[in-house]
Protein backbone atom coordinates (compact mmCIF):
# COMPACT_ATOMS: atom_id res chain seq x y z
CA UNK A 1 -26.07 -190.47 -16.75
CA UNK A 2 -27.20 -193.05 -13.83
CA UNK A 3 -27.13 -189.96 -11.31
CA UNK A 4 -29.82 -188.14 -13.79
CA UNK A 5 -31.68 -190.98 -14.00
CA UNK A 6 -32.18 -191.41 -10.51
CA UNK A 7 -32.73 -188.20 -9.96
CA UNK A 8 -35.59 -188.02 -12.16
CA UNK A 9 -37.51 -190.80 -9.86
CA UNK A 10 -39.92 -189.12 -7.72
CA UNK A 11 -39.43 -191.70 -4.87
CA UNK A 12 -35.91 -192.27 -4.32
CA UNK A 13 -36.30 -194.01 -1.06
CA UNK A 14 -38.93 -195.99 -2.68
CA UNK A 15 -36.42 -197.30 -5.50
CA UNK A 16 -33.77 -197.85 -2.99
CA UNK A 17 -36.53 -200.22 -0.98
CA UNK A 18 -37.34 -202.07 -4.47
CA UNK A 19 -33.45 -202.67 -4.89
CA UNK A 20 -33.46 -204.19 -1.89
CA UNK A 21 -36.15 -206.05 -1.72
CA UNK A 22 -34.89 -207.82 -5.40
CA UNK A 23 -31.79 -208.80 -3.32
CA UNK A 24 -33.50 -210.64 -0.65
CA UNK A 25 -36.34 -212.33 -3.07
CA UNK A 26 -33.06 -214.73 -4.90
CA UNK A 27 -34.23 -217.74 -3.41
CA UNK A 28 -37.84 -217.04 -4.83
CA UNK A 29 -36.34 -215.95 -8.31
CA UNK A 30 -34.46 -219.92 -8.11
CA UNK A 31 -37.81 -221.48 -7.10
CA UNK A 32 -39.83 -219.28 -9.96
CA UNK A 33 -37.24 -220.62 -12.30
CA UNK A 34 -37.40 -223.89 -11.09
CA UNK A 35 -40.67 -224.62 -11.05
CA UNK A 36 -40.93 -223.52 -14.78
CA UNK A 37 -38.11 -225.90 -15.37
CA UNK A 38 -40.30 -228.59 -13.72
CA UNK A 39 -43.10 -228.16 -16.38
CA UNK A 40 -42.29 -229.69 -19.42
CA UNK A 41 -42.32 -227.76 -23.02
CA UNK A 42 -40.64 -229.42 -25.28
CA UNK A 43 -41.17 -228.09 -28.62
CA UNK A 44 -41.91 -230.68 -30.74
CA UNK A 45 -44.32 -231.10 -30.08
CA UNK A 46 -45.03 -227.66 -28.51
CA UNK A 47 -47.15 -228.26 -25.61
CA UNK A 48 -47.07 -225.14 -23.38
CA UNK A 49 -49.96 -226.07 -21.12
CA UNK A 50 -47.96 -227.19 -18.56
CA UNK A 51 -45.64 -224.64 -18.16
CA UNK A 52 -48.38 -221.88 -19.09
CA UNK A 53 -50.20 -222.85 -15.91
CA UNK A 54 -47.15 -222.61 -13.58
CA UNK A 55 -46.01 -219.01 -14.77
CA UNK A 56 -49.84 -218.11 -14.53
CA UNK A 57 -50.34 -219.42 -11.03
CA UNK A 58 -47.18 -217.51 -10.27
CA UNK A 59 -48.50 -213.68 -11.60
CA UNK A 60 -51.58 -214.21 -10.14
CA UNK A 61 -50.01 -213.71 -6.64
CA UNK A 62 -49.72 -210.09 -7.57
CA UNK A 63 -52.67 -207.98 -6.10
CA UNK A 64 -54.42 -206.06 -9.20
CA UNK A 65 -52.97 -208.23 -11.67
CA UNK A 66 -55.18 -209.49 -15.00
CA UNK A 67 -54.07 -212.76 -16.05
CA UNK A 68 -55.18 -214.62 -18.86
CA UNK A 69 -54.54 -218.04 -20.31
CA UNK A 70 -54.83 -217.94 -23.95
CA UNK A 71 -55.05 -220.96 -26.45
CA UNK A 72 -53.71 -220.16 -29.59
CA UNK A 73 -53.96 -223.20 -31.19
CA UNK A 74 -54.14 -226.57 -29.07
CA UNK A 75 -52.00 -227.36 -27.50
CA UNK A 76 -50.32 -224.25 -27.80
CA UNK A 77 -50.60 -221.90 -24.53
CA UNK A 78 -49.81 -218.31 -24.08
CA UNK A 79 -49.81 -215.96 -20.92
CA UNK A 80 -50.79 -212.39 -20.98
CA UNK A 81 -50.74 -210.50 -17.14
CA UNK A 82 -51.58 -207.06 -16.54
CA UNK A 83 -51.32 -204.23 -14.20
CA UNK A 84 -51.54 -200.61 -13.76
CA UNK A 85 -49.89 -198.28 -11.46
CA UNK A 86 -51.02 -194.92 -9.99
CA UNK A 87 -52.35 -193.34 -12.63
CA UNK A 88 -52.16 -192.83 -16.79
CA UNK A 89 -48.25 -193.00 -18.06
CA UNK A 90 -46.05 -195.47 -19.96
CA UNK A 91 -46.48 -199.52 -20.55
CA UNK A 92 -43.95 -201.75 -20.54
CA UNK A 93 -44.20 -205.05 -21.75
CA UNK A 94 -42.24 -207.81 -21.02
CA UNK A 95 -41.68 -210.54 -23.69
CA UNK A 96 -41.06 -214.28 -23.22
CA UNK A 97 -41.55 -217.62 -25.05
CA UNK A 98 -42.25 -220.83 -23.13
CA UNK A 99 -41.23 -223.49 -25.62
CA UNK A 100 -38.08 -224.83 -25.55
CA UNK A 101 -35.84 -227.43 -27.70
CA UNK A 102 -35.90 -230.80 -26.86
CA UNK A 103 -33.66 -232.12 -24.12
CA UNK A 104 -32.14 -234.89 -26.51
CA UNK A 105 -30.59 -237.92 -25.66
CA UNK A 106 -31.06 -237.81 -21.71
CA UNK A 107 -27.70 -240.35 -21.37
CA UNK A 108 -25.56 -237.31 -22.19
CA UNK A 109 -26.84 -235.20 -19.32
CA UNK A 110 -25.47 -235.38 -16.13
CA UNK A 111 -28.66 -234.00 -14.35
CA UNK A 112 -32.13 -234.50 -14.63
CA UNK A 113 -32.80 -231.83 -17.42
CA UNK A 114 -36.21 -231.39 -15.88
CA UNK A 115 -35.24 -230.99 -12.07
CA UNK A 116 -34.28 -227.80 -11.85
CA UNK A 117 -30.82 -228.83 -10.15
CA UNK A 118 -28.62 -226.23 -8.76
CA UNK A 119 -25.23 -227.11 -8.09
CA UNK A 120 -22.38 -224.63 -7.44
CA UNK A 121 -23.01 -221.59 -8.57
CA UNK A 122 -25.21 -222.68 -11.41
CA UNK A 123 -28.77 -224.11 -12.07
CA UNK A 124 -29.15 -226.44 -14.73
CA UNK A 125 -32.24 -227.62 -16.76
CA UNK A 126 -33.44 -228.17 -20.77
CA UNK A 127 -34.74 -224.14 -21.56
CA UNK A 128 -32.95 -222.34 -18.40
CA UNK A 129 -31.18 -219.84 -20.59
CA UNK A 130 -33.48 -219.96 -23.45
CA UNK A 131 -35.10 -218.85 -21.86
CA UNK A 132 -37.27 -219.82 -18.24
CA UNK A 133 -34.33 -218.01 -16.56
CA UNK A 134 -35.11 -214.56 -18.15
CA UNK A 135 -39.29 -215.35 -18.01
CA UNK A 136 -38.45 -215.71 -13.97
CA UNK A 137 -36.55 -212.75 -14.07
CA UNK A 138 -39.98 -210.74 -15.42
CA UNK A 139 -42.00 -212.56 -13.19
CA UNK A 140 -39.84 -211.46 -10.27
CA UNK A 141 -40.40 -207.92 -11.38
CA UNK A 142 -43.67 -207.99 -11.66
CA UNK A 143 -44.82 -209.23 -8.25
CA UNK A 144 -42.42 -206.73 -6.88
CA UNK A 145 -43.68 -203.86 -8.85
CA UNK A 146 -46.97 -204.89 -7.43
CA UNK A 147 -45.87 -204.56 -3.97
CA UNK A 148 -45.55 -200.55 -5.10
CA UNK A 149 -48.03 -199.69 -7.01
CA UNK A 150 -48.63 -196.06 -5.80
CA UNK A 151 -44.85 -195.40 -6.65
CA UNK A 152 -45.00 -195.67 -10.71
CA UNK A 153 -47.87 -194.84 -13.59
CA UNK A 154 -48.95 -196.72 -16.38
CA UNK A 155 -48.94 -200.52 -16.83
CA UNK A 156 -46.64 -203.55 -16.89
CA UNK A 157 -47.39 -206.29 -19.12
CA UNK A 158 -46.13 -209.90 -19.09
CA UNK A 159 -46.83 -211.64 -22.54
CA UNK A 160 -45.35 -215.11 -22.40
CA UNK A 161 -45.93 -216.86 -25.78
CA UNK A 162 -46.41 -220.75 -26.27
CA UNK A 163 -44.51 -220.60 -29.90
CA UNK A 164 -40.96 -219.16 -30.18
CA UNK A 165 -38.65 -222.34 -31.55
CA UNK A 166 -40.88 -222.05 -34.49
CA UNK A 167 -41.11 -218.87 -35.39
CA UNK A 168 -43.40 -217.51 -33.36
CA UNK A 169 -46.38 -217.34 -35.78
CA UNK A 170 -48.61 -218.93 -32.91
CA UNK A 171 -47.11 -217.22 -30.05
CA UNK A 172 -46.34 -213.45 -29.97
CA UNK A 173 -47.55 -212.61 -33.49
CA UNK A 174 -50.81 -213.90 -32.46
CA UNK A 175 -50.81 -212.15 -29.15
CA UNK A 176 -49.60 -209.12 -31.27
CA UNK A 177 -52.52 -209.36 -33.44
CA UNK A 178 -55.32 -210.12 -30.84
CA UNK A 179 -54.30 -208.73 -27.85
CA UNK A 180 -54.29 -204.81 -27.57
CA UNK A 181 -52.41 -204.20 -24.62
CA UNK A 182 -49.55 -206.57 -25.84
CA UNK A 183 -48.23 -203.86 -27.38
CA UNK A 184 -46.74 -201.17 -25.47
CA UNK A 185 -44.26 -198.01 -25.34
CA UNK A 186 -41.35 -200.18 -24.83
CA UNK A 187 -40.66 -203.89 -24.57
CA UNK A 188 -37.59 -206.08 -22.65
CA UNK A 189 -37.60 -209.46 -23.70
CA UNK A 190 -35.28 -212.06 -21.18
CA UNK A 191 -34.15 -214.44 -24.10
CA UNK A 192 -30.61 -215.70 -24.51
CA UNK A 193 -28.10 -213.32 -24.03
CA UNK A 194 -25.88 -211.64 -21.46
CA UNK A 195 -26.70 -208.83 -18.58
CA UNK A 196 -23.47 -207.39 -20.10
CA UNK A 197 -24.44 -207.05 -23.59
CA UNK A 198 -27.48 -205.61 -23.91
CA UNK A 199 -28.98 -206.45 -27.83
CA UNK A 200 -30.94 -203.65 -29.24
CA UNK A 201 -31.35 -205.23 -33.18
CA UNK A 202 -31.46 -208.77 -35.12
CA UNK A 203 -30.32 -209.46 -38.53
CA UNK A 204 -32.88 -210.03 -40.91
CA UNK A 205 -33.36 -213.71 -42.59
CA UNK A 206 -34.60 -215.25 -46.24
CA UNK A 207 -35.41 -218.97 -46.32
CA UNK A 208 -35.02 -220.20 -50.03
CA UNK A 209 -35.47 -223.81 -51.58
CA UNK A 210 -33.57 -224.40 -54.53
CA UNK A 211 -34.53 -227.47 -56.82
CA UNK A 212 -32.35 -228.54 -59.67
CA UNK A 213 -33.82 -230.56 -62.80
CA UNK A 214 -31.62 -232.73 -64.68
CA UNK A 215 -32.31 -235.75 -67.13
CA UNK A 216 -31.43 -239.07 -66.12
CA UNK A 217 -28.89 -241.85 -67.08
CA UNK A 218 -26.58 -244.55 -65.88
CA UNK A 219 -23.39 -243.41 -64.61
CA UNK A 220 -21.31 -244.75 -67.22
CA UNK A 221 -23.20 -243.07 -69.87
CA UNK A 222 -22.79 -239.75 -68.44
CA UNK A 223 -23.19 -238.07 -72.06
CA UNK A 224 -26.68 -238.91 -71.96
CA UNK A 225 -27.75 -237.23 -69.07
CA UNK A 226 -27.75 -233.97 -67.26
CA UNK A 227 -26.57 -234.38 -63.90
CA UNK A 228 -29.09 -232.22 -61.39
CA UNK A 229 -27.02 -232.07 -58.43
CA UNK A 230 -23.84 -230.43 -60.58
CA UNK A 231 -26.37 -227.78 -61.65
CA UNK A 232 -27.43 -227.63 -57.87
CA UNK A 233 -24.00 -227.13 -57.14
CA UNK A 234 -23.28 -224.55 -59.41
CA UNK A 235 -26.56 -222.75 -58.09
CA UNK A 236 -25.04 -223.14 -54.18
CA UNK A 237 -21.51 -221.72 -55.40
CA UNK A 238 -22.96 -218.41 -56.44
CA UNK A 239 -24.98 -218.26 -53.67
CA UNK A 240 -21.95 -218.10 -51.93
CA UNK A 241 -21.28 -214.79 -53.26
CA UNK A 242 -23.63 -213.31 -51.43
CA UNK A 243 -21.28 -213.43 -48.53
CA UNK A 244 -19.15 -210.46 -50.28
CA UNK A 245 -22.19 -208.14 -50.85
CA UNK A 246 -20.83 -204.69 -49.53
CA UNK A 247 -23.53 -203.38 -46.91
CA UNK A 248 -23.35 -199.93 -45.03
CA UNK A 249 -24.91 -199.70 -41.46
CA UNK A 250 -26.11 -196.51 -40.01
CA UNK A 251 -23.81 -194.98 -38.03
CA UNK A 252 -24.98 -195.94 -34.40
CA UNK A 253 -25.03 -198.86 -35.66
CA UNK A 254 -22.01 -199.59 -36.59
CA UNK A 255 -20.25 -197.40 -33.23
CA UNK A 256 -22.18 -199.48 -31.21
CA UNK A 257 -21.15 -202.97 -32.95
CA UNK A 258 -17.52 -201.44 -32.41
CA UNK A 259 -17.67 -200.46 -28.95
CA UNK A 260 -18.90 -203.67 -28.00
CA UNK A 261 -16.83 -206.22 -29.40
CA UNK A 262 -14.01 -206.65 -26.70
CA UNK A 263 -17.13 -207.66 -24.36
CA UNK A 264 -19.35 -209.25 -26.93
CA UNK A 265 -16.70 -211.08 -28.64
CA UNK A 266 -15.40 -213.49 -25.43
CA UNK A 267 -19.20 -214.55 -24.59
CA UNK A 268 -20.62 -215.29 -28.09
CA UNK A 269 -17.31 -216.49 -29.62
CA UNK A 270 -14.82 -215.02 -31.55
CA UNK A 271 -15.93 -213.87 -35.52
CA UNK A 272 -19.71 -212.69 -33.97
CA UNK A 273 -18.27 -208.54 -35.53
CA UNK A 274 -17.86 -210.14 -38.69
CA UNK A 275 -20.90 -212.09 -38.63
CA UNK A 276 -23.01 -209.02 -37.48
CA UNK A 277 -21.98 -207.04 -40.34
CA UNK A 278 -21.77 -209.48 -43.13
CA UNK A 279 -24.42 -211.10 -45.19
CA UNK A 280 -24.22 -215.14 -44.16
CA UNK A 281 -25.17 -218.01 -46.08
CA UNK A 282 -25.85 -221.11 -44.52
CA UNK A 283 -26.80 -224.41 -46.86
CA UNK A 284 -28.82 -226.54 -44.24
CA UNK A 285 -29.98 -229.13 -46.30
CA UNK A 286 -28.98 -230.85 -49.59
CA UNK A 287 -30.74 -234.02 -51.11
CA UNK A 288 -30.58 -235.87 -54.65
CA UNK A 289 -30.16 -238.73 -56.57
CA UNK A 290 -30.98 -242.55 -55.51
CA UNK A 291 -27.85 -244.42 -56.65
CA UNK A 292 -23.89 -243.74 -56.84
CA UNK A 293 -24.22 -245.46 -60.87
CA UNK A 294 -27.31 -243.38 -61.64
CA UNK A 295 -27.36 -239.52 -63.30
CA UNK A 296 -29.58 -237.63 -60.44
CA UNK A 297 -32.99 -236.33 -62.29
CA UNK A 298 -33.49 -234.25 -59.18
CA UNK A 299 -32.03 -232.41 -56.37
CA UNK A 300 -32.92 -229.80 -54.15
CA UNK A 301 -31.36 -227.44 -51.38
CA UNK A 302 -32.62 -225.47 -48.35
CA UNK A 303 -30.59 -222.65 -47.37
CA UNK A 304 -30.71 -219.68 -44.44
CA UNK A 305 -29.21 -216.10 -45.42
CA UNK A 306 -29.05 -213.62 -43.00
CA UNK A 307 -29.33 -209.96 -43.79
CA UNK A 308 -27.39 -207.30 -41.31
CA UNK A 309 -28.52 -203.66 -40.99
CA UNK A 310 -28.18 -201.45 -43.89
CA UNK A 311 -29.23 -204.57 -46.21
CA UNK A 312 -33.01 -205.25 -46.97
CA UNK A 313 -34.65 -208.57 -48.47
CA UNK A 314 -35.67 -206.81 -51.64
CA UNK A 315 -31.98 -206.11 -52.50
CA UNK A 316 -30.82 -209.59 -51.59
CA UNK A 317 -33.33 -211.15 -53.27
CA UNK A 318 -32.83 -209.41 -56.65
CA UNK A 319 -29.15 -210.51 -56.19
CA UNK A 320 -30.52 -213.79 -56.22
CA UNK A 321 -32.42 -213.72 -59.35
CA UNK A 322 -29.35 -212.15 -60.81
CA UNK A 323 -27.14 -214.81 -59.87
CA UNK A 324 -29.82 -218.12 -60.72
CA UNK A 325 -32.11 -216.93 -63.20
CA UNK A 326 -29.99 -217.54 -65.71
CA UNK A 327 -28.99 -221.38 -64.73
CA UNK A 328 -30.31 -224.26 -66.61
CA UNK A 329 -32.54 -226.46 -65.20
CA UNK A 330 -33.08 -224.23 -61.62
CA UNK A 331 -35.60 -222.98 -60.10
CA UNK A 332 -36.07 -221.50 -56.63
CA UNK A 333 -38.71 -220.04 -54.02
CA UNK A 334 -38.37 -218.01 -50.89
CA UNK A 335 -40.19 -219.77 -47.83
CA UNK A 336 -39.54 -217.14 -45.46
CA UNK A 337 -38.53 -213.26 -45.12
CA UNK A 338 -38.25 -210.52 -42.46
CA UNK A 339 -36.02 -207.46 -42.57
CA UNK A 340 -33.23 -206.70 -39.74
CA UNK A 341 -34.23 -204.35 -37.39
CA UNK A 342 -33.33 -202.52 -34.62
CA UNK A 343 -33.81 -199.54 -31.50
CA UNK A 344 -31.50 -196.78 -31.10
CA UNK A 345 -29.07 -197.93 -28.91
CA UNK A 346 -29.70 -194.80 -27.07
CA UNK A 347 -33.15 -195.34 -26.67
CA UNK A 348 -34.09 -194.18 -23.28
CA UNK A 349 -35.10 -198.20 -22.36
CA UNK A 350 -31.66 -198.95 -23.31
CA UNK A 351 -30.01 -196.56 -21.63
CA UNK A 352 -31.86 -197.27 -18.13
CA UNK A 353 -30.76 -200.86 -18.33
CA UNK A 354 -27.54 -200.29 -18.64
CA UNK A 355 -27.96 -197.95 -15.65
CA UNK A 356 -29.29 -200.74 -13.72
CA UNK A 357 -26.79 -203.08 -15.15
CA UNK A 358 -24.22 -200.98 -13.59
CA UNK A 359 -25.75 -201.19 -10.36
CA UNK A 360 -26.17 -204.81 -10.53
CA UNK A 361 -22.87 -206.07 -12.07
CA UNK A 362 -20.43 -203.10 -11.08
CA UNK A 363 -19.56 -202.12 -14.96
CA UNK A 364 -21.85 -200.88 -17.74
CA UNK A 365 -23.28 -203.46 -19.94
CA UNK A 366 -22.06 -202.70 -23.33
CA UNK A 367 -24.75 -202.62 -25.97
CA UNK A 368 -24.57 -204.74 -29.40
CA UNK A 369 -26.91 -206.25 -32.42
CA UNK A 370 -27.75 -210.00 -31.71
CA UNK A 371 -26.81 -212.93 -33.96
CA UNK A 372 -30.17 -214.86 -33.86
CA UNK A 373 -33.78 -214.04 -34.07
CA UNK A 374 -35.86 -213.54 -30.96
CA UNK A 375 -39.52 -212.22 -30.45
CA UNK A 376 -38.34 -208.71 -30.47
CA UNK A 377 -38.39 -208.52 -34.20
CA UNK A 378 -41.94 -208.85 -34.29
CA UNK A 379 -42.40 -206.24 -31.54
CA UNK A 380 -39.77 -203.48 -33.60
CA UNK A 381 -41.35 -204.67 -36.67
CA UNK A 382 -45.10 -202.70 -35.12
CA UNK A 383 -42.57 -199.49 -33.96
CA UNK A 384 -42.30 -200.95 -30.52
CA UNK A 385 -38.77 -199.90 -29.10
CA UNK A 386 -37.22 -203.49 -27.96
CA UNK A 387 -34.29 -204.79 -26.13
CA UNK A 388 -32.98 -208.22 -25.41
CA UNK A 389 -31.31 -208.64 -21.38
CA UNK A 390 -31.52 -212.17 -20.64
CA UNK A 391 -28.59 -214.58 -19.30
CA UNK A 392 -25.35 -216.19 -20.78
CA UNK A 393 -26.03 -219.22 -22.50
CA UNK A 394 -24.23 -222.15 -21.53
CA UNK A 395 -24.78 -225.61 -23.59
CA UNK A 396 -27.90 -224.19 -24.85
CA UNK A 397 -29.59 -226.75 -27.04
CA UNK A 398 -27.08 -229.08 -25.74
CA UNK A 399 -26.58 -231.44 -22.61
CA UNK A 400 -26.52 -229.77 -19.21
CA UNK A 401 -27.44 -226.21 -20.18
CA UNK A 402 -26.91 -224.11 -17.42
CA UNK A 403 -26.88 -220.51 -16.36
CA UNK A 404 -25.13 -219.41 -13.35
CA UNK A 405 -27.01 -217.65 -10.46
CA UNK A 406 -24.87 -214.56 -10.65
CA UNK A 407 -26.40 -213.74 -14.07
CA UNK A 408 -29.95 -214.93 -12.87
CA UNK A 409 -29.36 -212.39 -10.25
CA UNK A 410 -28.72 -209.76 -12.39
CA UNK A 411 -31.12 -209.80 -14.49
CA UNK A 412 -33.81 -210.04 -12.04
CA UNK A 413 -32.40 -206.79 -10.54
CA UNK A 414 -31.97 -205.14 -13.95
CA UNK A 415 -35.88 -205.93 -15.39
CA UNK A 416 -37.07 -204.94 -12.20
CA UNK A 417 -35.11 -201.70 -11.14
CA UNK A 418 -35.41 -200.96 -15.00
CA UNK A 419 -39.05 -201.11 -15.21
CA UNK A 420 -39.49 -198.87 -12.15
CA UNK A 421 -37.12 -196.20 -13.71
CA UNK A 422 -38.88 -196.54 -16.81
CA UNK A 423 -42.46 -196.14 -15.44
CA UNK A 424 -41.66 -194.03 -12.41
CA UNK A 425 -40.96 -191.29 -15.32
CA UNK A 426 -43.42 -189.18 -17.56
CA UNK A 427 -44.78 -190.36 -20.72
CA UNK A 428 -42.48 -187.48 -22.30
CA UNK A 429 -39.27 -187.81 -20.20
CA UNK A 430 -36.01 -189.29 -22.48
């Protein structure tokens, strides 16, 4: 496959030069990442203005680039860069998010989370794997492609969202709704993952709030009351039964998950394969009552339900109504929902990433679904084939978050060469 893809490239010599350019640009790649890390963008509070300026300044180094800073809602700043090649062709989008988790308790860090410390083959910092390292790889690809514009056609776009950690409404979704060239023929996202495992799809989600009403009484006179917490406990027990809902995924998804397991599970944790093919139910918040000697009059719970490919929100919500509809004192509302989504695992953008990954890693990456959500779902919802190719997360969301430089260099190579291969091929080529 790799040989076939190379043969279709109109300029193999340019491709070899570009591959060499990536390898001699490793210090530049690390510098991009460090500059992004030093611009705080914790969410909350969600202020991405400083990091957006850093990213925009880097992108403006590309000759012929159109770069915009777009504020969706202060202080949320987004960045969109656009560059045209040598004639009409495909449009490839690099998507990323600029906001990060908070650094948390700084006393738990052994390094400054906002210094971009490089040590022992690692790069440390808040958001380095989620996802400033991946953004740096896309920035490098954009700049290197700018130097070879005569050798590819179409357009390359970098869309950096200022709001992802709170579901992307004021970030990627805002950009997709308001900036026409943020859509494209394919999208690569550098969100947390691994260069060894390309993620072509994600589970769906339902967030639900369940409320229970009871009748208050003294704890010694339970016969006079109705315990709202006990009613809630019964509702939660029934919702756990959703884990046993049978789901049949398309054959291509099932086959990819099975083939990826031996590589993907050691990176993502034992049990990932089961989670990817099952409905999961997590009760994240429970509250109710005021004192141990009082029968609670009200109680509430918030749950996160994830749906594998093959399930639908409508189907799961119908089951929820059947489970809870007859319970006394129980009410619920759906807070948020979206469907499972996936790009065919043999799509051209996936195949090209696998081919460039083999060059970068010495092994062909596997393809799999993703347990968590990313902005990719927003692109797939609009019919844009999308794949996550990012860095293996270490301590993501915790102290001493880091990535390996080996991963950083591999993903930088994969973003750059895949983009070149995709934009060099004809619009109708496989």
